[in-house]
Amino acid sequence: HTCQESIEAIDEENKTINYKLFDGDIDNQFKVFKLIFQAIDKENDSAIIKWTIEYERIGEEVDPPYGYIEYVHKCTKDIDVHLLKA
């Protein structure tokens, strides 16, 4: 799948970045497709990451973006492994 991305907003206080995906395959299936990345502080100087996907399909015949959710999950696991090695 192909698409472009842009950062719509960065909220440093809430440690949130909002991304918009567009063009290519995304526009063929979705009117709106956004990823929201938020770091939530925990005890012991650690944090968890919360991903939110907001989307609007162009029609009922378009499936929900399960493949994109799996991709974000895999990337997050890869980042976690990398950070644990650091």
PDB file of N, CA and C in Angstrom:
ATOM      1  N   HIS A   1       0.838  -1.183   0.000  1.00  0.00           N
ATOM      2  CA  HIS A   1       0.000   0.000   0.000  1.00  0.00           C
ATOM      3  C   HIS A   1       0.876   1.238   0.000  1.00  0.00           C
ATOM      4  N   THR A   2       0.402   2.254  -0.641  1.00  0.00           N
ATOM      5  CA  THR A   2       1.149   3.500  -0.702  1.00  0.00           C
ATOM      6  C   THR A   2       0.293   4.640  -0.166  1.00  0.00           C
ATOM      7  N   CYS A   3       0.966   5.616   0.432  1.00  0.00           N
ATOM      8  CA  CYS A   3       0.295   6.815   0.905  1.00  0.00           C
ATOM      9  C   CYS A   3       1.346   7.841   1.292  1.00  0.00           C
ATOM     10  N   GLN A   4       0.881   9.019   1.572  1.00  0.00           N
ATOM     11  CA  GLN A   4       1.718  10.096   2.098  1.00  0.00           C
ATOM     12  C   GLN A   4       1.279  10.323   3.532  1.00  0.00           C
ATOM     13  N   GLU A   5       2.122  10.976   4.287  1.00  0.00           N
ATOM     14  CA  GLU A   5       1.741  11.320   5.650  1.00  0.00           C
ATOM     15  C   GLU A   5       2.203  12.730   5.961  1.00  0.00           C
ATOM     16  N   SER A   6       1.477  13.358   6.868  1.00  0.00           N
ATOM     17  CA  SER A   6       1.894  14.663   7.361  1.00  0.00           C
ATOM     18  C   SER A   6       1.568  14.736   8.847  1.00  0.00           C
ATOM     19  N   ILE A   7       2.316  15.547   9.542  1.00  0.00           N
ATOM     20  CA  ILE A   7       2.037  15.776  10.952  1.00  0.00           C
ATOM     21  C   ILE A   7       1.064  16.940  11.029  1.00  0.00           C
ATOM     22  N   GLU A   8      -0.098  16.675  11.616  1.00  0.00           N
ATOM     23  CA  GLU A   8      -1.113  17.721  11.747  1.00  0.00           C
ATOM     24  C   GLU A   8      -0.923  18.553  13.005  1.00  0.00           C
ATOM     25  N   ALA A   9      -0.483  17.889  14.093  1.00  0.00           N
ATOM     26  CA  ALA A   9      -0.344  18.613  15.356  1.00  0.00           C
ATOM     27  C   ALA A   9       0.639  17.889  16.259  1.00  0.00           C
ATOM     28  N   ILE A  10       1.344  18.685  17.051  1.00  0.00           N
ATOM     29  CA  ILE A  10       2.213  18.168  18.106  1.00  0.00           C
ATOM     30  C   ILE A  10       1.812  18.883  19.381  1.00  0.00           C
ATOM     31  N   ASP A  11       1.471  18.112  20.395  1.00  0.00           N
ATOM     32  CA  ASP A  11       1.100  18.660  21.695  1.00  0.00           C
ATOM     33  C   ASP A  11       2.135  18.164  22.702  1.00  0.00           C
ATOM     34  N   GLU A  12       3.128  18.992  22.966  1.00  0.00           N
ATOM     35  CA  GLU A  12       4.219  18.581  23.854  1.00  0.00           C
ATOM     36  C   GLU A  12       3.742  18.372  25.279  1.00  0.00           C
ATOM     37  N   GLU A  13       2.807  19.178  25.739  1.00  0.00           N
ATOM     38  CA  GLU A  13       2.312  19.038  27.109  1.00  0.00           C
ATOM     39  C   GLU A  13       1.653  17.673  27.321  1.00  0.00           C
ATOM     40  N   ASN A  14       0.859  17.228  26.341  1.00  0.00           N
ATOM     41  CA  ASN A  14       0.182  15.932  26.442  1.00  0.00           C
ATOM     42  C   ASN A  14       0.943  14.809  25.745  1.00  0.00           C
ATOM     43  N   LYS A  15       2.134  15.126  25.235  1.00  0.00           N
ATOM     44  CA  LYS A  15       3.001  14.158  24.561  1.00  0.00           C
ATOM     45  C   LYS A  15       2.250  13.399  23.471  1.00  0.00           C
ATOM     46  N   THR A  16       1.644  14.175  22.578  1.00  0.00           N
ATOM     47  CA  THR A  16       0.812  13.609  21.523  1.00  0.00           C
ATOM     48  C   THR A  16       1.246  14.149  20.167  1.00  0.00           C
ATOM     49  N   ILE A  17       1.255  13.250  19.163  1.00  0.00           N
ATOM     50  CA  ILE A  17       1.510  13.638  17.778  1.00  0.00           C
ATOM     51  C   ILE A  17       0.355  13.102  16.939  1.00  0.00           C
ATOM     52  N   ASN A  18      -0.253  13.968  16.136  1.00  0.00           N
ATOM     53  CA  ASN A  18      -1.337  13.571  15.243  1.00  0.00           C
ATOM     54  C   ASN A  18      -0.814  13.537  13.813  1.00  0.00           C
ATOM     55  N   TYR A  19      -0.977  12.386  13.163  1.00  0.00           N
ATOM     56  CA  TYR A  19      -0.565  12.196  11.776  1.00  0.00           C
ATOM     57  C   TYR A  19      -1.797  12.067  10.894  1.00  0.00           C
ATOM     58  N   LYS A  20      -1.696  12.574   9.677  1.00  0.00           N
ATOM     59  CA  LYS A  20      -2.741  12.380   8.670  1.00  0.00           C
ATOM     60  C   LYS A  20      -2.122  11.576   7.534  1.00  0.00           C
ATOM     61  N   LEU A  21      -2.785  10.493   7.128  1.00  0.00           N
ATOM     62  CA  LEU A  21      -2.358   9.701   5.976  1.00  0.00           C
ATOM     63  C   LEU A  21      -3.289  10.014   4.820  1.00  0.00           C
ATOM     64  N   PHE A  22      -2.720  10.159   3.612  1.00  0.00           N
ATOM     65  CA  PHE A  22      -3.520  10.565   2.459  1.00  0.00           C
ATOM     66  C   PHE A  22      -2.830  10.128   1.173  1.00  0.00           C
ATOM     67  N   ASP A  23      -3.510  10.318   0.069  1.00  0.00           N
ATOM     68  CA  ASP A  23      -3.047   9.956  -1.277  1.00  0.00           C
ATOM     69  C   ASP A  23      -2.923   8.438  -1.426  1.00  0.00           C
ATOM     70  N   GLY A  24      -2.651   8.018  -2.626  1.00  0.00           N
ATOM     71  CA  GLY A  24      -2.437   6.602  -2.916  1.00  0.00           C
ATOM     72  C   GLY A  24      -3.601   5.720  -2.502  1.00  0.00           C
ATOM     73  N   ASP A  25      -3.281   4.567  -1.948  1.00  0.00           N
ATOM     74  CA  ASP A  25      -4.277   3.577  -1.560  1.00  0.00           C
ATOM     75  C   ASP A  25      -5.208   4.071  -0.449  1.00  0.00           C
ATOM     76  N   ILE A  26      -4.708   4.915   0.413  1.00  0.00           N
ATOM     77  CA  ILE A  26      -5.543   5.436   1.504  1.00  0.00           C
ATOM     78  C   ILE A  26      -6.752   6.174   0.938  1.00  0.00           C
ATOM     79  N   ASP A  27      -6.529   7.060  -0.033  1.00  0.00           N
ATOM     80  CA  ASP A  27      -7.635   7.836  -0.604  1.00  0.00           C
ATOM     81  C   ASP A  27      -8.623   6.967  -1.373  1.00  0.00           C
ATOM     82  N   ASN A  28      -8.190   5.791  -1.819  1.00  0.00           N
ATOM     83  CA  ASN A  28      -9.098   4.888  -2.522  1.00  0.00           C
ATOM     84  C   ASN A  28     -10.053   4.174  -1.577  1.00  0.00           C
ATOM     85  N   GLN A  29      -9.753   4.191  -0.269  1.00  0.00           N
ATOM     86  CA  GLN A  29     -10.565   3.462   0.695  1.00  0.00           C
ATOM     87  C   GLN A  29     -11.164   4.322   1.803  1.00  0.00           C
ATOM     88  N   PHE A  30     -10.493   5.433   2.124  1.00  0.00           N
ATOM     89  CA  PHE A  30     -10.902   6.208   3.291  1.00  0.00           C
ATOM     90  C   PHE A  30     -11.011   7.698   2.972  1.00  0.00           C
ATOM     91  N   LYS A  31     -12.066   8.323   3.512  1.00  0.00           N
ATOM     92  CA  LYS A  31     -12.211   9.774   3.419  1.00  0.00           C
ATOM     93  C   LYS A  31     -11.257  10.448   4.398  1.00  0.00           C
ATOM     94  N   VAL A  32     -11.111   9.837   5.565  1.00  0.00           N
ATOM     95  CA  VAL A  32     -10.256  10.352   6.637  1.00  0.00           C
ATOM     96  C   VAL A  32      -9.459   9.183   7.191  1.00  0.00           C
ATOM     97  N   PHE A  33      -8.159   9.380   7.414  1.00  0.00           N
ATOM     98  CA  PHE A  33      -7.340   8.354   8.063  1.00  0.00           C
ATOM     99  C   PHE A  33      -6.275   9.079   8.867  1.00  0.00           C
ATOM    100  N   LYS A  34      -6.392   8.974  10.194  1.00  0.00           N
ATOM    101  CA  LYS A  34      -5.458   9.655  11.094  1.00  0.00           C
ATOM    102  C   LYS A  34      -4.906   8.673  12.115  1.00  0.00           C
ATOM    103  N   LEU A  35      -3.640   8.867  12.470  1.00  0.00           N
ATOM    104  CA  LEU A  35      -2.990   8.116  13.544  1.00  0.00           C
ATOM    105  C   LEU A  35      -2.643   9.108  14.650  1.00  0.00           C
ATOM    106  N   ILE A  36      -2.962   8.746  15.871  1.00  0.00           N
ATOM    107  CA  ILE A  36      -2.634   9.589  17.017  1.00  0.00           C
ATOM    108  C   ILE A  36      -1.716   8.776  17.926  1.00  0.00           C
ATOM    109  N   PHE A  37      -0.550   9.314  18.184  1.00  0.00           N
ATOM    110  CA  PHE A  37       0.498   8.678  18.995  1.00  0.00           C
ATOM    111  C   PHE A  37       0.593   9.459  20.293  1.00  0.00           C
ATOM    112  N   GLN A  38       0.422   8.773  21.437  1.00  0.00           N
ATOM    113  CA  GLN A  38       0.500   9.454  22.721  1.00  0.00           C
ATOM    114  C   GLN A  38       1.375   8.659  23.679  1.00  0.00           C
ATOM    115  N   ALA A  39       2.332   9.329  24.296  1.00  0.00           N
ATOM    116  CA  ALA A  39       3.166   8.735  25.342  1.00  0.00           C
ATOM    117  C   ALA A  39       2.543   9.103  26.691  1.00  0.00           C
ATOM    118  N   ILE A  40       2.276   8.081  27.497  1.00  0.00           N
ATOM    119  CA  ILE A  40       1.646   8.292  28.800  1.00  0.00           C
ATOM    120  C   ILE A  40       2.663   7.892  29.872  1.00  0.00           C
ATOM    121  N   ASP A  41       3.052   8.861  30.700  1.00  0.00           N
ATOM    122  CA  ASP A  41       4.039   8.604  31.750  1.00  0.00           C
ATOM    123  C   ASP A  41       3.496   7.641  32.793  1.00  0.00           C
ATOM    124  N   LYS A  42       4.377   6.751  33.220  1.00  0.00           N
ATOM    125  CA  LYS A  42       4.078   5.805  34.292  1.00  0.00           C
ATOM    126  C   LYS A  42       5.097   6.025  35.406  1.00  0.00           C
ATOM    127  N   GLU A  43       4.975   5.244  36.463  1.00  0.00           N
ATOM    128  CA  GLU A  43       5.935   5.342  37.567  1.00  0.00           C
ATOM    129  C   GLU A  43       7.291   4.807  37.136  1.00  0.00           C
ATOM    130  N   ASN A  44       8.314   5.091  37.909  1.00  0.00           N
ATOM    131  CA  ASN A  44       9.681   4.605  37.672  1.00  0.00           C
ATOM    132  C   ASN A  44      10.264   5.093  36.353  1.00  0.00           C
ATOM    133  N   ASP A  45       9.957   6.319  35.959  1.00  0.00           N
ATOM    134  CA  ASP A  45      10.489   6.910  34.726  1.00  0.00           C
ATOM    135  C   ASP A  45      10.215   6.050  33.489  1.00  0.00           C
ATOM    136  N   SER A  46       9.068   5.439  33.415  1.00  0.00           N
ATOM    137  CA  SER A  46       8.696   4.658  32.245  1.00  0.00           C
ATOM    138  C   SER A  46       7.450   5.272  31.610  1.00  0.00           C
ATOM    139  N   ALA A  47       7.087   4.755  30.464  1.00  0.00           N
ATOM    140  CA  ALA A  47       5.912   5.270  29.765  1.00  0.00           C
ATOM    141  C   ALA A  47       5.296   4.149  28.942  1.00  0.00           C
ATOM    142  N   ILE A  48       4.052   4.325  28.597  1.00  0.00           N
ATOM    143  CA  ILE A  48       3.396   3.436  27.644  1.00  0.00           C
ATOM    144  C   ILE A  48       2.974   4.277  26.448  1.00  0.00           C
ATOM    145  N   ILE A  49       2.820   3.624  25.324  1.00  0.00           N
ATOM    146  CA  ILE A  49       2.421   4.317  24.110  1.00  0.00           C
ATOM    147  C   ILE A  49       0.999   3.893  23.756  1.00  0.00           C
ATOM    148  N   LYS A  50       0.186   4.867  23.451  1.00  0.00           N
ATOM    149  CA  LYS A  50      -1.193   4.604  23.032  1.00  0.00           C
ATOM    150  C   LYS A  50      -1.339   5.085  21.595  1.00  0.00           C
ATOM    151  N   TRP A  51      -1.741   4.170  20.711  1.00  0.00           N
ATOM    152  CA  TRP A  51      -2.037   4.509  19.321  1.00  0.00           C
ATOM    153  C   TRP A  51      -3.547   4.558  19.156  1.00  0.00           C
ATOM    154  N   THR A  52      -4.046   5.583  18.494  1.00  0.00           N
ATOM    155  CA  THR A  52      -5.454   5.672  18.143  1.00  0.00           C
ATOM    156  C   THR A  52      -5.526   5.861  16.638  1.00  0.00           C
ATOM    157  N   ILE A  53      -6.403   5.103  15.994  1.00  0.00           N
ATOM    158  CA  ILE A  53      -6.612   5.247  14.557  1.00  0.00           C
ATOM    159  C   ILE A  53      -8.028   5.761  14.339  1.00  0.00           C
ATOM    160  N   GLU A  54      -8.131   6.924  13.706  1.00  0.00           N
ATOM    161  CA  GLU A  54      -9.425   7.490  13.345  1.00  0.00           C
ATOM    162  C   GLU A  54      -9.572   7.373  11.839  1.00  0.00           C
ATOM    163  N   TYR A  55     -10.703   6.850  11.390  1.00  0.00           N
ATOM    164  CA  TYR A  55     -10.900   6.684   9.955  1.00  0.00           C
ATOM    165  C   TYR A  55     -12.366   6.797   9.594  1.00  0.00           C
ATOM    166  N   GLU A  56     -12.604   7.156   8.341  1.00  0.00           N
ATOM    167  CA  GLU A  56     -13.948   7.154   7.768  1.00  0.00           C
ATOM    168  C   GLU A  56     -13.848   6.486   6.409  1.00  0.00           C
ATOM    169  N   ARG A  57     -14.534   5.358   6.250  1.00  0.00           N
ATOM    170  CA  ARG A  57     -14.503   4.606   4.993  1.00  0.00           C
ATOM    171  C   ARG A  57     -15.293   5.346   3.921  1.00  0.00           C
ATOM    172  N   ILE A  58     -14.898   5.174   2.652  1.00  0.00           N
ATOM    173  CA  ILE A  58     -15.618   5.830   1.561  1.00  0.00           C
ATOM    174  C   ILE A  58     -16.963   5.171   1.292  1.00  0.00           C
ATOM    175  N   GLY A  59     -17.140   3.940   1.787  1.00  0.00           N
ATOM    176  CA  GLY A  59     -18.406   3.241   1.624  1.00  0.00           C
ATOM    177  C   GLY A  59     -18.425   1.982   2.468  1.00  0.00           C
ATOM    178  N   GLU A  60     -19.603   1.414   2.621  1.00  0.00           N
ATOM    179  CA  GLU A  60     -19.771   0.211   3.436  1.00  0.00           C
ATOM    180  C   GLU A  60     -19.014  -0.992   2.879  1.00  0.00           C
ATOM    181  N   GLU A  61     -18.702  -0.977   1.575  1.00  0.00           N
ATOM    182  CA  GLU A  61     -17.986  -2.097   0.965  1.00  0.00           C
ATOM    183  C   GLU A  61     -16.508  -2.146   1.347  1.00  0.00           C
ATOM    184  N   VAL A  62     -16.003  -1.072   1.930  1.00  0.00           N
ATOM    185  CA  VAL A  62     -14.599  -1.010   2.351  1.00  0.00           C
ATOM    186  C   VAL A  62     -14.484  -1.586   3.757  1.00  0.00           C
ATOM    187  N   ASP A  63     -13.573  -2.538   3.922  1.00  0.00           N
ATOM    188  CA  ASP A  63     -13.354  -3.153   5.231  1.00  0.00           C
ATOM    189  C   ASP A  63     -12.662  -2.183   6.180  1.00  0.00           C
ATOM    190  N   PRO A  64     -12.869  -2.357   7.490  1.00  0.00           N
ATOM    191  CA  PRO A  64     -12.090  -1.574   8.457  1.00  0.00           C
ATOM    192  C   PRO A  64     -10.601  -1.838   8.245  1.00  0.00           C
ATOM    193  N   PRO A  65      -9.745  -0.927   8.684  1.00  0.00           N
ATOM    194  CA  PRO A  65      -8.312  -1.012   8.382  1.00  0.00           C
ATOM    195  C   PRO A  65      -7.532  -1.987   9.266  1.00  0.00           C
ATOM    196  N   TYR A  66      -7.962  -3.240   9.317  1.00  0.00           N
ATOM    197  CA  TYR A  66      -7.291  -4.229  10.162  1.00  0.00           C
ATOM    198  C   TYR A  66      -5.823  -4.412   9.783  1.00  0.00           C
ATOM    199  N   GLY A  67      -5.496  -4.377   8.500  1.00  0.00           N
ATOM    200  CA  GLY A  67      -4.103  -4.519   8.073  1.00  0.00           C
ATOM    201  C   GLY A  67      -3.224  -3.399   8.604  1.00  0.00           C
ATOM    202  N   TYR A  68      -3.748  -2.183   8.627  1.00  0.00           N
ATOM    203  CA  TYR A  68      -2.987  -1.053   9.163  1.00  0.00           C
ATOM    204  C   TYR A  68      -2.791  -1.204  10.672  1.00  0.00           C
ATOM    205  N   ILE A  69      -3.815  -1.710  11.352  1.00  0.00           N
ATOM    206  CA  ILE A  69      -3.711  -1.923  12.794  1.00  0.00           C
ATOM    207  C   ILE A  69      -2.628  -2.963  13.084  1.00  0.00           C
ATOM    208  N   GLU A  70      -2.595  -4.037  12.310  1.00  0.00           N
ATOM    209  CA  GLU A  70      -1.553  -5.053  12.478  1.00  0.00           C
ATOM    210  C   GLU A  70      -0.171  -4.472  12.211  1.00  0.00           C
ATOM    211  N   TYR A  71      -0.059  -3.612  11.205  1.00  0.00           N
ATOM    212  CA  TYR A  71       1.224  -2.989  10.874  1.00  0.00           C
ATOM    213  C   TYR A  71       1.712  -2.102  12.029  1.00  0.00           C
ATOM    214  N   VAL A  72       0.823  -1.274  12.579  1.00  0.00           N
ATOM    215  CA  VAL A  72       1.192  -0.409  13.707  1.00  0.00           C
ATOM    216  C   VAL A  72       1.598  -1.264  14.902  1.00  0.00           C
ATOM    217  N   HIS A  73       0.885  -2.357  15.126  1.00  0.00           N
ATOM    218  CA  HIS A  73       1.220  -3.265  16.235  1.00  0.00           C
ATOM    219  C   HIS A  73       2.620  -3.847  16.044  1.00  0.00           C
ATOM    220  N   LYS A  74       2.941  -4.311  14.840  1.00  0.00           N
ATOM    221  CA  LYS A  74       4.253  -4.880  14.562  1.00  0.00           C
ATOM    222  C   LYS A  74       5.352  -3.835  14.732  1.00  0.00           C
ATOM    223  N   CYS A  75       5.128  -2.640  14.208  1.00  0.00           N
ATOM    224  CA  CYS A  75       6.129  -1.577  14.346  1.00  0.00           C
ATOM    225  C   CYS A  75       6.372  -1.235  15.811  1.00  0.00           C
ATOM    226  N   THR A  76       5.310  -1.185  16.590  1.00  0.00           N
ATOM    227  CA  THR A  76       5.445  -0.874  18.010  1.00  0.00           C
ATOM    228  C   THR A  76       6.251  -1.949  18.726  1.00  0.00           C
ATOM    229  N   LYS A  77       6.003  -3.221  18.400  1.00  0.00           N
ATOM    230  CA  LYS A  77       6.778  -4.304  19.006  1.00  0.00           C
ATOM    231  C   LYS A  77       8.251  -4.204  18.611  1.00  0.00           C
ATOM    232  N   ASP A  78       8.531  -3.869  17.342  1.00  0.00           N
ATOM    233  CA  ASP A  78       9.918  -3.728  16.886  1.00  0.00           C
ATOM    234  C   ASP A  78      10.620  -2.573  17.602  1.00  0.00           C
ATOM    235  N   ILE A  79       9.916  -1.473  17.787  1.00  0.00           N
ATOM    236  CA  ILE A  79      10.487  -0.325  18.498  1.00  0.00           C
ATOM    237  C   ILE A  79      10.766  -0.702  19.949  1.00  0.00           C
ATOM    238  N   ASP A  80       9.837  -1.427  20.570  1.00  0.00           N
ATOM    239  CA  ASP A  80      10.006  -1.876  21.952  1.00  0.00           C
ATOM    240  C   ASP A  80      11.252  -2.731  22.098  1.00  0.00           C
ATOM    241  N   VAL A  81      11.452  -3.682  21.199  1.00  0.00           N
ATOM    242  CA  VAL A  81      12.635  -4.544  21.242  1.00  0.00           C
ATOM    243  C   VAL A  81      13.903  -3.708  21.106  1.00  0.00           C
ATOM    244  N   HIS A  82      13.878  -2.755  20.179  1.00  0.00           N
ATOM    245  CA  HIS A  82      15.049  -1.891  19.967  1.00  0.00           C
ATOM    246  C   HIS A  82      15.365  -1.076  21.225  1.00  0.00           C
ATOM    247  N   LEU A  83      14.339  -0.490  21.839  1.00  0.00           N
ATOM    248  CA  LEU A  83      14.564   0.334  23.026  1.00  0.00           C
ATOM    249  C   LEU A  83      15.058  -0.490  24.206  1.00  0.00           C
ATOM    250  N   LEU A  84      14.583  -1.714  24.327  1.00  0.00           N
ATOM    251  CA  LEU A  84      15.048  -2.558  25.423  1.00  0.00           C
ATOM    252  C   LEU A  84      16.510  -2.940  25.284  1.00  0.00           C
ATOM    253  N   LYS A  85      17.014  -2.968  24.046  1.00  0.00           N
ATOM    254  CA  LYS A  85      18.425  -3.267  23.810  1.00  0.00           C
ATOM    255  C   LYS A  85      19.320  -2.069  24.107  1.00  0.00           C
ATOM    256  N   ALA A  86      18.759  -0.870  24.042  1.00  0.00           N
ATOM    257  CA  ALA A  86      19.546   0.365  24.210  1.00  0.00           C
ATOM    258  C   ALA A  86      20.025   0.545  25.621  1.00  0.00           C
TER     259      ALA A  86
END
